Amino acid sequence: MHTFDTLDKLPRRLAQVLDSTSTPIGPRNSSVVLVGTGQAASAATLFQTVTANSSAVPVIVCRDRKLPAFVDSSTLVVALSETGSDPVSVDAVSHATDLKATVAVVAPGGHLLDMAESQGYIVRAVPKPIVPGVSMLAELFFGLWGLLAGSAALPDNSDANARAAVDLLVRQRKVFGPEAAEDSNPARLLTGAFYRRQALLYGTTPLARAAVDVWVDRLHATGHPAYAGDLDTDANIERWPATTLAQSPNAEALVLRDVDEPAAVHAQIDALRKSLGASITVNELSMDGRTPLERLWGAIYLAEWTAFYLAP
């Protein structure tokens, strides 16, 4: 869980990550394989989602020690790690070296950086956590983004987009923080909605669903039950969604809406309200930001603050 200090400093830490330097990757690689476990794998999956419509090369997420069979000298393998020493990433990097792949590391230290120094891997260092055990999801994501700026995996304006996303978090900090009035603070309002209730969370697009997965993880970390629903499925049933954690009316639903959502979403949300019944409120929340990157991280930063207020 994030503390107040880690949440307060997060935008500044991400700006520092973007200001750090690494050897340019260039456009030569035919594919990118992102290796990691836990929050590192989550950062890789978020990157894969947000770049799905813009990357000029395939971006694959691998959570295993053994890399996919297609990996060769034309592949870029990027190891992401919160500690720099998790065994899966270390073994995968060794495998990548055997396959003659280009190897890069995004980590705060650990054995991976020692390997990078001895083997000549590309390194994008991220700052060590302020509090041990606090998620480094954002730092690893933006470290990866900075590493791949200028490569075929990201468009030419990727650096400007990343800095605009960080600027959005700076503005949101003033709205989500404890000094903001409770009746105009979205994180506080959501805290009140979810307190002692099961959270039913829906996303209207792949980007929104990726953010919802982080929401569920963060709410679980506070001890609150949460369920990532499928809007297409749950809007078309005539009973309580069978896969929820507890079939109880003591729940609150939130639909995270994106600007690029399908035209039929309005009808789906109306159908969801009917499906869940009058005892469950279905709230709608629009993702903040101009670009997919801004909208994704604006929604995640809100989740982090909401979890902070919900934590016991």
C-alpha atoms as a PDB file:
ATOM      1  CA  MET A   1       0.000   0.000   0.000  1.00  0.00           C
ATOM      2  CA  HIS A   2       1.077   3.547  -0.692  1.00  0.00           C
ATOM      3  CA  THR A   3       1.624   5.895   2.229  1.00  0.00           C
ATOM      4  CA  PHE A   4       0.806   9.594   2.105  1.00  0.00           C
ATOM      5  CA  ASP A   5       4.479  10.355   1.517  1.00  0.00           C
ATOM      6  CA  THR A   6       4.789   7.968  -1.439  1.00  0.00           C
ATOM      7  CA  LEU A   7       1.594   9.227  -3.070  1.00  0.00           C
ATOM      8  CA  ASP A   8       2.517  12.862  -2.484  1.00  0.00           C
ATOM      9  CA  LYS A   9       5.943  12.393  -4.085  1.00  0.00           C
ATOM     10  CA  LEU A  10       4.889  10.070  -6.892  1.00  0.00           C
ATOM     11  CA  PRO A  11       4.540  12.724  -9.655  1.00  0.00           C
ATOM     12  CA  ARG A  12       7.979  14.136  -8.813  1.00  0.00           C
ATOM     13  CA  ARG A  13       9.524  10.667  -8.816  1.00  0.00           C
ATOM     14  CA  LEU A  14       8.036   9.953 -12.238  1.00  0.00           C
ATOM     15  CA  ALA A  15       9.446  13.219 -13.575  1.00  0.00           C
ATOM     16  CA  GLN A  16      12.857  12.110 -12.293  1.00  0.00           C
ATOM     17  CA  VAL A  17      12.440   8.759 -14.036  1.00  0.00           C
ATOM     18  CA  LEU A  18      11.740  10.531 -17.322  1.00  0.00           C
ATOM     19  CA  ASP A  19      14.741  12.818 -16.824  1.00  0.00           C
ATOM     20  CA  SER A  20      17.122   9.879 -16.350  1.00  0.00           C
ATOM     21  CA  THR A  21      19.065   8.667 -19.362  1.00  0.00           C
ATOM     22  CA  SER A  22      19.906   5.357 -20.988  1.00  0.00           C
ATOM     23  CA  THR A  23      21.459   4.150 -24.217  1.00  0.00           C
ATOM     24  CA  PRO A  24      18.999   4.825 -27.075  1.00  0.00           C
ATOM     25  CA  ILE A  25      17.261   1.673 -28.288  1.00  0.00           C
ATOM     26  CA  GLY A  26      16.609   2.759 -31.857  1.00  0.00           C
ATOM     27  CA  PRO A  27      14.108   1.269 -34.307  1.00  0.00           C
ATOM     28  CA  ARG A  28      16.065  -1.839 -35.323  1.00  0.00           C
ATOM     29  CA  ASN A  29      14.299  -4.513 -33.242  1.00  0.00           C
ATOM     30  CA  SER A  30      11.565  -6.597 -34.853  1.00  0.00           C
ATOM     31  CA  SER A  31       9.776  -7.360 -31.565  1.00  0.00           C
ATOM     32  CA  VAL A  32       9.866  -6.488 -27.866  1.00  0.00           C
ATOM     33  CA  VAL A  33       9.495  -9.000 -25.032  1.00  0.00           C
ATOM     34  CA  LEU A  34       8.803  -7.565 -21.575  1.00  0.00           C
ATOM     35  CA  VAL A  35       9.794  -9.861 -18.713  1.00  0.00           C
ATOM     36  CA  GLY A  36       8.671  -9.537 -15.105  1.00  0.00           C
ATOM     37  CA  THR A  37       6.550 -10.844 -12.258  1.00  0.00           C
ATOM     38  CA  GLY A  38       4.139  -9.222  -9.829  1.00  0.00           C
ATOM     39  CA  GLN A  39       3.891  -5.443 -10.181  1.00  0.00           C
ATOM     40  CA  ALA A  40       6.614  -5.511 -12.848  1.00  0.00           C
ATOM     41  CA  ALA A  41       4.445  -7.796 -14.979  1.00  0.00           C
ATOM     42  CA  SER A  42       1.496  -5.476 -14.328  1.00  0.00           C
ATOM     43  CA  ALA A  43       3.556  -2.510 -15.555  1.00  0.00           C
ATOM     44  CA  ALA A  44       4.465  -4.481 -18.675  1.00  0.00           C
ATOM     45  CA  THR A  45       0.817  -5.389 -19.305  1.00  0.00           C
ATOM     46  CA  LEU A  46      -0.260  -1.752 -18.934  1.00  0.00           C
ATOM     47  CA  PHE A  47       2.421  -0.759 -21.440  1.00  0.00           C
ATOM     48  CA  GLN A  48       1.238  -3.438 -23.848  1.00  0.00           C
ATOM     49  CA  THR A  49      -2.360  -2.194 -23.543  1.00  0.00           C
ATOM     50  CA  VAL A  50      -1.667   1.520 -23.945  1.00  0.00           C
ATOM     51  CA  THR A  51       0.587   0.974 -26.995  1.00  0.00           C
ATOM     52  CA  ALA A  52      -1.581  -1.644 -28.701  1.00  0.00           C
ATOM     53  CA  ASN A  53      -2.752   0.752 -31.417  1.00  0.00           C
ATOM     54  CA  SER A  54       0.488   2.676 -31.877  1.00  0.00           C
ATOM     55  CA  SER A  55       3.414   0.260 -31.641  1.00  0.00           C
ATOM     56  CA  ALA A  56       5.044  -0.602 -34.957  1.00  0.00           C
ATOM     57  CA  VAL A  57       6.332  -3.935 -33.597  1.00  0.00           C
ATOM     58  CA  PRO A  58       4.769  -6.729 -31.511  1.00  0.00           C
ATOM     59  CA  VAL A  59       5.042  -6.199 -27.755  1.00  0.00           C
ATOM     60  CA  ILE A  60       4.800  -9.427 -25.731  1.00  0.00           C
ATOM     61  CA  VAL A  61       4.613  -9.872 -21.961  1.00  0.00           C
ATOM     62  CA  CYS A  62       6.465 -12.892 -20.535  1.00  0.00           C
ATOM     63  CA  ARG A  63       6.204 -14.029 -16.899  1.00  0.00           C
ATOM     64  CA  ASP A  64       8.377 -17.115 -17.322  1.00  0.00           C
ATOM     65  CA  ARG A  65      12.052 -17.954 -17.006  1.00  0.00           C
ATOM     66  CA  LYS A  66      12.048 -19.342 -20.554  1.00  0.00           C
ATOM     67  CA  LEU A  67      11.456 -16.858 -23.362  1.00  0.00           C
ATOM     68  CA  PRO A  68       9.165 -17.447 -26.369  1.00  0.00           C
ATOM     69  CA  ALA A  69      10.601 -19.543 -29.200  1.00  0.00           C
ATOM     70  CA  PHE A  70      10.718 -16.633 -31.660  1.00  0.00           C
ATOM     71  CA  VAL A  71      13.267 -14.652 -29.613  1.00  0.00           C
ATOM     72  CA  ASP A  72      16.522 -14.158 -31.534  1.00  0.00           C
ATOM     73  CA  SER A  73      19.134 -11.510 -32.284  1.00  0.00           C
ATOM     74  CA  SER A  74      16.470  -9.171 -33.685  1.00  0.00           C
ATOM     75  CA  THR A  75      14.449  -9.183 -30.440  1.00  0.00           C
ATOM     76  CA  LEU A  76      14.668  -6.651 -27.620  1.00  0.00           C
ATOM     77  CA  VAL A  77      14.146  -8.289 -24.215  1.00  0.00           C
ATOM     78  CA  VAL A  78      13.415  -5.872 -21.370  1.00  0.00           C
ATOM     79  CA  ALA A  79      13.529  -7.148 -17.793  1.00  0.00           C
ATOM     80  CA  LEU A  80      11.481  -5.150 -15.288  1.00  0.00           C
ATOM     81  CA  SER A  81      11.863  -5.777 -11.578  1.00  0.00           C
ATOM     82  CA  GLU A  82      10.894  -4.060  -8.329  1.00  0.00           C
ATOM     83  CA  THR A  83      13.967  -5.482  -6.578  1.00  0.00           C
ATOM     84  CA  GLY A  84      16.285  -6.203  -9.482  1.00  0.00           C
ATOM     85  CA  SER A  85      16.852  -9.705  -8.148  1.00  0.00           C
ATOM     86  CA  ASP A  86      13.710 -11.762  -8.718  1.00  0.00           C
ATOM     87  CA  PRO A  87      14.724 -15.215 -10.023  1.00  0.00           C
ATOM     88  CA  VAL A  88      12.333 -15.291 -12.986  1.00  0.00           C
ATOM     89  CA  SER A  89      13.715 -12.086 -14.518  1.00  0.00           C
ATOM     90  CA  VAL A  90      17.331 -13.064 -13.809  1.00  0.00           C
ATOM     91  CA  ASP A  91      16.897 -16.434 -15.515  1.00  0.00           C
ATOM     92  CA  ALA A  92      15.015 -14.873 -18.445  1.00  0.00           C
ATOM     93  CA  VAL A  93      17.820 -12.377 -18.988  1.00  0.00           C
ATOM     94  CA  SER A  94      20.370 -15.200 -19.019  1.00  0.00           C
ATOM     95  CA  HIS A  95      18.209 -17.012 -21.575  1.00  0.00           C
ATOM     96  CA  ALA A  96      18.000 -13.850 -23.684  1.00  0.00           C
ATOM     97  CA  THR A  97      21.789 -13.583 -23.655  1.00  0.00           C
ATOM     98  CA  ASP A  98      22.084 -17.175 -24.876  1.00  0.00           C
ATOM     99  CA  LEU A  99      19.697 -16.328 -27.725  1.00  0.00           C
ATOM    100  CA  LYS A 100      21.778 -13.262 -28.707  1.00  0.00           C
ATOM    101  CA  ALA A 101      18.864 -10.910 -28.065  1.00  0.00           C
ATOM    102  CA  THR A 102      19.387  -7.258 -27.169  1.00  0.00           C
ATOM    103  CA  VAL A 103      18.835  -6.994 -23.415  1.00  0.00           C
ATOM    104  CA  ALA A 104      17.708  -4.013 -21.340  1.00  0.00           C
ATOM    105  CA  VAL A 105      16.942  -3.718 -17.635  1.00  0.00           C
ATOM    106  CA  VAL A 106      14.544  -1.423 -15.765  1.00  0.00           C
ATOM    107  CA  ALA A 107      15.109  -1.781 -12.017  1.00  0.00           C
ATOM    108  CA  PRO A 108      16.231   0.152  -8.908  1.00  0.00           C
ATOM    109  CA  GLY A 109      19.287  -2.029  -8.336  1.00  0.00           C
ATOM    110  CA  GLY A 110      19.927  -5.668  -7.487  1.00  0.00           C
ATOM    111  CA  HIS A 111      21.456  -8.568  -9.374  1.00  0.00           C
ATOM    112  CA  LEU A 112      20.032  -7.493 -12.736  1.00  0.00           C
ATOM    113  CA  LEU A 113      22.054  -4.279 -12.642  1.00  0.00           C
ATOM    114  CA  ASP A 114      25.157  -6.262 -11.683  1.00  0.00           C
ATOM    115  CA  MET A 115      24.538  -8.499 -14.690  1.00  0.00           C
ATOM    116  CA  ALA A 116      24.003  -5.442 -16.871  1.00  0.00           C
ATOM    117  CA  GLU A 117      27.353  -3.992 -15.838  1.00  0.00           C
ATOM    118  CA  SER A 118      29.241  -7.208 -16.560  1.00  0.00           C
ATOM    119  CA  GLN A 119      27.371  -8.086 -19.771  1.00  0.00           C
ATOM    120  CA  GLY A 120      26.901  -4.599 -21.216  1.00  0.00           C
ATOM    121  CA  TYR A 121      23.103  -4.582 -21.080  1.00  0.00           C
ATOM    122  CA  ILE A 122      21.173  -1.362 -21.566  1.00  0.00           C
ATOM    123  CA  VAL A 123      20.037   0.040 -18.198  1.00  0.00           C
ATOM    124  CA  ARG A 124      17.245   2.416 -17.223  1.00  0.00           C
ATOM    125  CA  ALA A 125      17.569   2.803 -13.468  1.00  0.00           C
ATOM    126  CA  VAL A 126      14.527   3.834 -11.415  1.00  0.00           C
ATOM    127  CA  PRO A 127      14.663   5.229  -7.865  1.00  0.00           C
ATOM    128  CA  LYS A 128      14.501   2.821  -4.959  1.00  0.00           C
ATOM    129  CA  PRO A 129      11.177   2.780  -3.082  1.00  0.00           C
ATOM    130  CA  ILE A 130      10.713   5.358  -0.360  1.00  0.00           C
ATOM    131  CA  VAL A 131       9.066   2.711   1.820  1.00  0.00           C
ATOM    132  CA  PRO A 132      10.088  -0.943   1.420  1.00  0.00           C
ATOM    133  CA  GLY A 133       7.323  -3.065  -0.066  1.00  0.00           C
ATOM    134  CA  VAL A 134       5.342  -0.178  -1.576  1.00  0.00           C
ATOM    135  CA  SER A 135       4.328  -0.809  -5.179  1.00  0.00           C
ATOM    136  CA  MET A 136       6.648   0.571  -7.848  1.00  0.00           C
ATOM    137  CA  LEU A 137       4.126   0.040 -10.644  1.00  0.00           C
ATOM    138  CA  ALA A 138       4.305   3.635 -11.885  1.00  0.00           C
ATOM    139  CA  GLU A 139       8.091   3.973 -11.633  1.00  0.00           C
ATOM    140  CA  LEU A 140       8.638   0.767 -13.615  1.00  0.00           C
ATOM    141  CA  PHE A 141       6.074   1.759 -16.246  1.00  0.00           C
ATOM    142  CA  PHE A 142       7.536   5.204 -16.845  1.00  0.00           C
ATOM    143  CA  GLY A 143      11.067   3.804 -16.718  1.00  0.00           C
ATOM    144  CA  LEU A 144      10.068   1.383 -19.475  1.00  0.00           C
ATOM    145  CA  TRP A 145       8.396   4.196 -21.406  1.00  0.00           C
ATOM    146  CA  GLY A 146      11.521   6.348 -21.206  1.00  0.00           C
ATOM    147  CA  LEU A 147      13.715   3.417 -22.203  1.00  0.00           C
ATOM    148  CA  LEU A 148      11.690   2.701 -25.335  1.00  0.00           C
ATOM    149  CA  ALA A 149      11.226   6.338 -26.419  1.00  0.00           C
ATOM    150  CA  GLY A 150      12.588   6.546 -29.942  1.00  0.00           C
ATOM    151  CA  SER A 151      12.171   2.825 -30.582  1.00  0.00           C
ATOM    152  CA  ALA A 152       9.632   1.206 -32.885  1.00  0.00           C
ATOM    153  CA  ALA A 153       7.526   0.347 -29.843  1.00  0.00           C
ATOM    154  CA  LEU A 154       6.556   3.990 -29.252  1.00  0.00           C
ATOM    155  CA  PRO A 155       5.503   6.906 -31.483  1.00  0.00           C
ATOM    156  CA  ASP A 156       7.748   9.925 -31.997  1.00  0.00           C
ATOM    157  CA  ASN A 157       5.838  12.069 -29.480  1.00  0.00           C
ATOM    158  CA  SER A 158       6.147   9.527 -26.662  1.00  0.00           C
ATOM    159  CA  ASP A 159       8.310  11.697 -24.398  1.00  0.00           C
ATOM    160  CA  ALA A 160       5.921  14.652 -24.643  1.00  0.00           C
ATOM    161  CA  ASN A 161       2.980  12.333 -23.915  1.00  0.00           C
ATOM    162  CA  ALA A 162       4.694  10.928 -20.833  1.00  0.00           C
ATOM    163  CA  ARG A 163       5.497  14.365 -19.453  1.00  0.00           C
ATOM    164  CA  ALA A 164       1.924  15.496 -20.069  1.00  0.00           C
ATOM    165  CA  ALA A 165       0.709  12.465 -18.092  1.00  0.00           C
ATOM    166  CA  VAL A 166       2.966  13.400 -15.179  1.00  0.00           C
ATOM    167  CA  ASP A 167       1.700  17.006 -15.353  1.00  0.00           C
ATOM    168  CA  LEU A 168      -1.834  15.626 -15.068  1.00  0.00           C
ATOM    169  CA  LEU A 169      -0.888  13.762 -11.875  1.00  0.00           C
ATOM    170  CA  VAL A 170       0.583  16.987 -10.470  1.00  0.00           C
ATOM    171  CA  ARG A 171      -2.775  18.693 -11.019  1.00  0.00           C
ATOM    172  CA  GLN A 172      -4.699  15.727  -9.639  1.00  0.00           C
ATOM    173  CA  ARG A 173      -2.568  15.708  -6.497  1.00  0.00           C
ATOM    174  CA  LYS A 174      -4.179  19.018  -5.509  1.00  0.00           C
ATOM    175  CA  VAL A 175      -7.656  17.532  -5.984  1.00  0.00           C
ATOM    176  CA  PHE A 176      -7.130  14.087  -4.448  1.00  0.00           C
ATOM    177  CA  GLY A 177      -5.007  15.075  -1.440  1.00  0.00           C
ATOM    178  CA  PRO A 178      -6.359  15.342   2.132  1.00  0.00           C
ATOM    179  CA  GLU A 179      -6.305  19.137   2.066  1.00  0.00           C
ATOM    180  CA  ALA A 180      -8.985  19.169  -0.669  1.00  0.00           C
ATOM    181  CA  ALA A 181     -12.599  19.520   0.490  1.00  0.00           C
ATOM    182  CA  GLU A 182     -14.252  16.129   0.912  1.00  0.00           C
ATOM    183  CA  ASP A 183     -17.345  17.044  -1.097  1.00  0.00           C
ATOM    184  CA  SER A 184     -15.214  17.899  -4.161  1.00  0.00           C
ATOM    185  CA  ASN A 185     -12.496  15.274  -3.745  1.00  0.00           C
ATOM    186  CA  PRO A 186     -13.208  12.292  -6.064  1.00  0.00           C
ATOM    187  CA  ALA A 187     -10.987   9.951  -4.032  1.00  0.00           C
ATOM    188  CA  ARG A 188     -12.823  10.835  -0.811  1.00  0.00           C
ATOM    189  CA  LEU A 189     -16.216  10.459  -2.475  1.00  0.00           C
ATOM    190  CA  LEU A 190     -15.304   7.016  -3.821  1.00  0.00           C
ATOM    191  CA  THR A 191     -13.970   6.052  -0.404  1.00  0.00           C
ATOM    192  CA  GLY A 192     -17.387   6.812   1.054  1.00  0.00           C
ATOM    193  CA  ALA A 193     -19.109   4.869  -1.717  1.00  0.00           C
ATOM    194  CA  PHE A 194     -16.984   1.735  -1.270  1.00  0.00           C
ATOM    195  CA  TYR A 195     -16.646   1.755   2.518  1.00  0.00           C
ATOM    196  CA  ARG A 196     -17.878  -1.598   3.863  1.00  0.00           C
ATOM    197  CA  ARG A 197     -19.294  -2.475   0.457  1.00  0.00           C
ATOM    198  CA  GLN A 198     -18.255  -4.818  -2.289  1.00  0.00           C
ATOM    199  CA  ALA A 199     -16.941  -2.879  -5.281  1.00  0.00           C
ATOM    200  CA  LEU A 200     -18.189  -3.968  -8.702  1.00  0.00           C
ATOM    201  CA  LEU A 201     -15.871  -2.370 -11.259  1.00  0.00           C
ATOM    202  CA  TYR A 202     -16.312  -2.149 -15.023  1.00  0.00           C
ATOM    203  CA  GLY A 203     -14.305  -0.627 -17.859  1.00  0.00           C
ATOM    204  CA  THR A 204     -15.811   0.355 -21.196  1.00  0.00           C
ATOM    205  CA  THR A 205     -12.634  -0.106 -23.300  1.00  0.00           C
ATOM    206  CA  PRO A 206      -9.445  -2.192 -23.059  1.00  0.00           C
ATOM    207  CA  LEU A 207      -7.679   0.846 -21.574  1.00  0.00           C
ATOM    208  CA  ALA A 208     -10.383   1.339 -18.946  1.00  0.00           C
ATOM    209  CA  ARG A 209     -10.391  -2.383 -18.142  1.00  0.00           C
ATOM    210  CA  ALA A 210      -6.617  -2.268 -17.632  1.00  0.00           C
ATOM    211  CA  ALA A 211      -7.124   0.538 -15.102  1.00  0.00           C
ATOM    212  CA  VAL A 212      -9.922  -1.456 -13.440  1.00  0.00           C
ATOM    213  CA  ASP A 213      -7.515  -4.349 -12.862  1.00  0.00           C
ATOM    214  CA  VAL A 214      -5.300  -1.982 -10.869  1.00  0.00           C
ATOM    215  CA  TRP A 215      -8.335  -0.709  -8.958  1.00  0.00           C
ATOM    216  CA  VAL A 216      -9.244  -4.265  -7.957  1.00  0.00           C
ATOM    217  CA  ASP A 217      -5.694  -4.993  -6.826  1.00  0.00           C
ATOM    218  CA  ARG A 218      -5.530  -1.820  -4.750  1.00  0.00           C
ATOM    219  CA  LEU A 219      -8.923  -2.376  -3.098  1.00  0.00           C
ATOM    220  CA  HIS A 220      -7.992  -5.966  -2.282  1.00  0.00           C
ATOM    221  CA  ALA A 221      -4.839  -4.658  -0.604  1.00  0.00           C
ATOM    222  CA  THR A 222      -7.013  -2.619   1.789  1.00  0.00           C
ATOM    223  CA  GLY A 223      -9.076  -5.683   2.686  1.00  0.00           C
ATOM    224  CA  HIS A 224     -12.111  -4.586   0.670  1.00  0.00           C
ATOM    225  CA  PRO A 225     -13.805  -7.113  -1.640  1.00  0.00           C
ATOM    226  CA  ALA A 226     -13.714  -6.044  -5.271  1.00  0.00           C
ATOM    227  CA  TYR A 227     -14.776  -7.616  -8.544  1.00  0.00           C
ATOM    228  CA  ALA A 228     -13.724  -6.723 -12.094  1.00  0.00           C
ATOM    229  CA  GLY A 229     -16.857  -7.305 -14.124  1.00  0.00           C
ATOM    230  CA  ASP A 230     -17.343  -7.784 -17.833  1.00  0.00           C
ATOM    231  CA  LEU A 231     -19.783  -5.165 -19.063  1.00  0.00           C
ATOM    232  CA  ASP A 232     -20.762  -7.161 -22.150  1.00  0.00           C
ATOM    233  CA  THR A 233     -21.693 -10.157 -20.006  1.00  0.00           C
ATOM    234  CA  ASP A 234     -23.118  -8.619 -16.848  1.00  0.00           C
ATOM    235  CA  ALA A 235     -25.321  -6.156 -18.730  1.00  0.00           C
ATOM    236  CA  ASN A 236     -27.167  -9.037 -20.376  1.00  0.00           C
ATOM    237  CA  ILE A 237     -28.074 -11.281 -17.470  1.00  0.00           C
ATOM    238  CA  GLU A 238     -31.213 -11.235 -15.379  1.00  0.00           C
ATOM    239  CA  ARG A 239     -29.614 -12.057 -12.053  1.00  0.00           C
ATOM    240  CA  TRP A 240     -26.674 -11.085  -9.876  1.00  0.00           C
ATOM    241  CA  PRO A 241     -23.345 -11.679 -11.692  1.00  0.00           C
ATOM    242  CA  ALA A 242     -22.433 -15.258 -10.770  1.00  0.00           C
ATOM    243  CA  THR A 243     -18.716 -14.545 -10.418  1.00  0.00           C
ATOM    244  CA  THR A 244     -18.949 -11.815  -7.784  1.00  0.00           C
ATOM    245  CA  LEU A 245     -17.266 -12.478  -4.476  1.00  0.00           C
ATOM    246  CA  ALA A 246     -20.445 -12.215  -2.431  1.00  0.00           C
ATOM    247  CA  GLN A 247     -23.973 -12.234  -3.810  1.00  0.00           C
ATOM    248  CA  SER A 248     -25.164  -9.416  -1.607  1.00  0.00           C
ATOM    249  CA  PRO A 249     -26.928  -6.110  -2.260  1.00  0.00           C
ATOM    250  CA  ASN A 250     -24.335  -4.435  -0.023  1.00  0.00           C
ATOM    251  CA  ALA A 251     -22.339  -3.344  -3.049  1.00  0.00           C
ATOM    252  CA  GLU A 252     -21.495  -0.325  -5.147  1.00  0.00           C
ATOM    253  CA  ALA A 253     -20.797  -0.423  -8.883  1.00  0.00           C
ATOM    254  CA  LEU A 254     -18.440   1.865 -10.792  1.00  0.00           C
ATOM    255  CA  VAL A 255     -18.188   2.072 -14.567  1.00  0.00           C
ATOM    256  CA  LEU A 256     -14.916   3.611 -15.700  1.00  0.00           C
ATOM    257  CA  ARG A 257     -15.624   5.344 -19.014  1.00  0.00           C
ATOM    258  CA  ASP A 258     -13.159   6.155 -21.775  1.00  0.00           C
ATOM    259  CA  VAL A 259     -13.457   8.584 -24.681  1.00  0.00           C
ATOM    260  CA  ASP A 260     -12.958   5.831 -27.252  1.00  0.00           C
ATOM    261  CA  GLU A 261     -15.709   3.549 -26.014  1.00  0.00           C
ATOM    262  CA  PRO A 262     -18.115   1.725 -28.367  1.00  0.00           C
ATOM    263  CA  ALA A 263     -21.368   3.445 -29.288  1.00  0.00           C
ATOM    264  CA  ALA A 264     -23.449   0.781 -27.547  1.00  0.00           C
ATOM    265  CA  VAL A 265     -21.993   1.527 -24.116  1.00  0.00           C
ATOM    266  CA  HIS A 266     -24.898   3.760 -23.002  1.00  0.00           C
ATOM    267  CA  ALA A 267     -27.336   0.916 -23.569  1.00  0.00           C
ATOM    268  CA  GLN A 268     -25.031  -1.532 -21.781  1.00  0.00           C
ATOM    269  CA  ILE A 269     -24.825   0.663 -18.692  1.00  0.00           C
ATOM    270  CA  ASP A 270     -28.621   1.042 -18.617  1.00  0.00           C
ATOM    271  CA  ALA A 271     -28.928  -2.738 -18.904  1.00  0.00           C
ATOM    272  CA  LEU A 272     -26.386  -3.189 -16.100  1.00  0.00           C
ATOM    273  CA  ARG A 273     -28.463  -0.989 -13.809  1.00  0.00           C
ATOM    274  CA  LYS A 274     -31.488  -3.154 -14.531  1.00  0.00           C
ATOM    275  CA  SER A 275     -29.470  -6.328 -14.010  1.00  0.00           C
ATOM    276  CA  LEU A 276     -28.072  -5.280 -10.629  1.00  0.00           C
ATOM    277  CA  GLY A 277     -31.352  -3.872  -9.359  1.00  0.00           C
ATOM    278  CA  ALA A 278     -32.394  -0.703  -7.578  1.00  0.00           C
ATOM    279  CA  SER A 279     -30.514  -1.561  -4.361  1.00  0.00           C
ATOM    280  CA  ILE A 280     -27.115  -1.171  -6.033  1.00  0.00           C
ATOM    281  CA  THR A 281     -25.932   2.209  -7.273  1.00  0.00           C
ATOM    282  CA  VAL A 282     -24.143   2.213 -10.632  1.00  0.00           C
ATOM    283  CA  ASN A 283     -21.777   5.188 -10.740  1.00  0.00           C
ATOM    284  CA  GLU A 284     -20.089   6.433 -13.916  1.00  0.00           C
ATOM    285  CA  LEU A 285     -16.634   7.995 -13.921  1.00  0.00           C
ATOM    286  CA  SER A 286     -14.974   9.498 -17.001  1.00  0.00           C
ATOM    287  CA  MET A 287     -11.231   8.981 -17.374  1.00  0.00           C
ATOM    288  CA  ASP A 288      -9.364  12.281 -17.194  1.00  0.00           C
ATOM    289  CA  GLY A 289      -6.871  13.303 -19.889  1.00  0.00           C
ATOM    290  CA  ARG A 290      -6.315  13.894 -23.599  1.00  0.00           C
ATOM    291  CA  THR A 291      -4.177  10.893 -24.501  1.00  0.00           C
ATOM    292  CA  PRO A 292      -4.515   7.204 -23.613  1.00  0.00           C
ATOM    293  CA  LEU A 293      -1.454   7.537 -21.378  1.00  0.00           C
ATOM    294  CA  GLU A 294      -2.961  10.426 -19.428  1.00  0.00           C
ATOM    295  CA  ARG A 295      -6.308   8.684 -19.064  1.00  0.00           C
ATOM    296  CA  LEU A 296      -4.738   5.439 -17.873  1.00  0.00           C
ATOM    297  CA  TRP A 297      -2.520   7.013 -15.228  1.00  0.00           C
ATOM    298  CA  GLY A 298      -5.080   9.564 -14.137  1.00  0.00           C
ATOM    299  CA  ALA A 299      -7.431   6.672 -13.340  1.00  0.00           C
ATOM    300  CA  ILE A 300      -4.699   4.689 -11.580  1.00  0.00           C
ATOM    301  CA  TYR A 301      -3.613   7.666  -9.451  1.00  0.00           C
ATOM    302  CA  LEU A 302      -7.243   8.070  -8.352  1.00  0.00           C
ATOM    303  CA  ALA A 303      -7.297   4.380  -7.418  1.00  0.00           C
ATOM    304  CA  GLU A 304      -4.135   4.813  -5.342  1.00  0.00           C
ATOM    305  CA  TRP A 305      -5.603   7.720  -3.368  1.00  0.00           C
ATOM    306  CA  THR A 306      -8.930   5.944  -2.883  1.00  0.00           C
ATOM    307  CA  ALA A 307      -7.116   2.882  -1.526  1.00  0.00           C
ATOM    308  CA  PHE A 308      -5.046   5.126   0.742  1.00  0.00           C
ATOM    309  CA  TYR A 309      -8.196   6.564   2.337  1.00  0.00           C
ATOM    310  CA  LEU A 310      -9.839   3.144   2.591  1.00  0.00           C
ATOM    311  CA  ALA A 311      -6.863   1.468   4.242  1.00  0.00           C
ATOM    312  CA  PRO A 312      -7.407   0.605   7.922  1.00  0.00           C
END
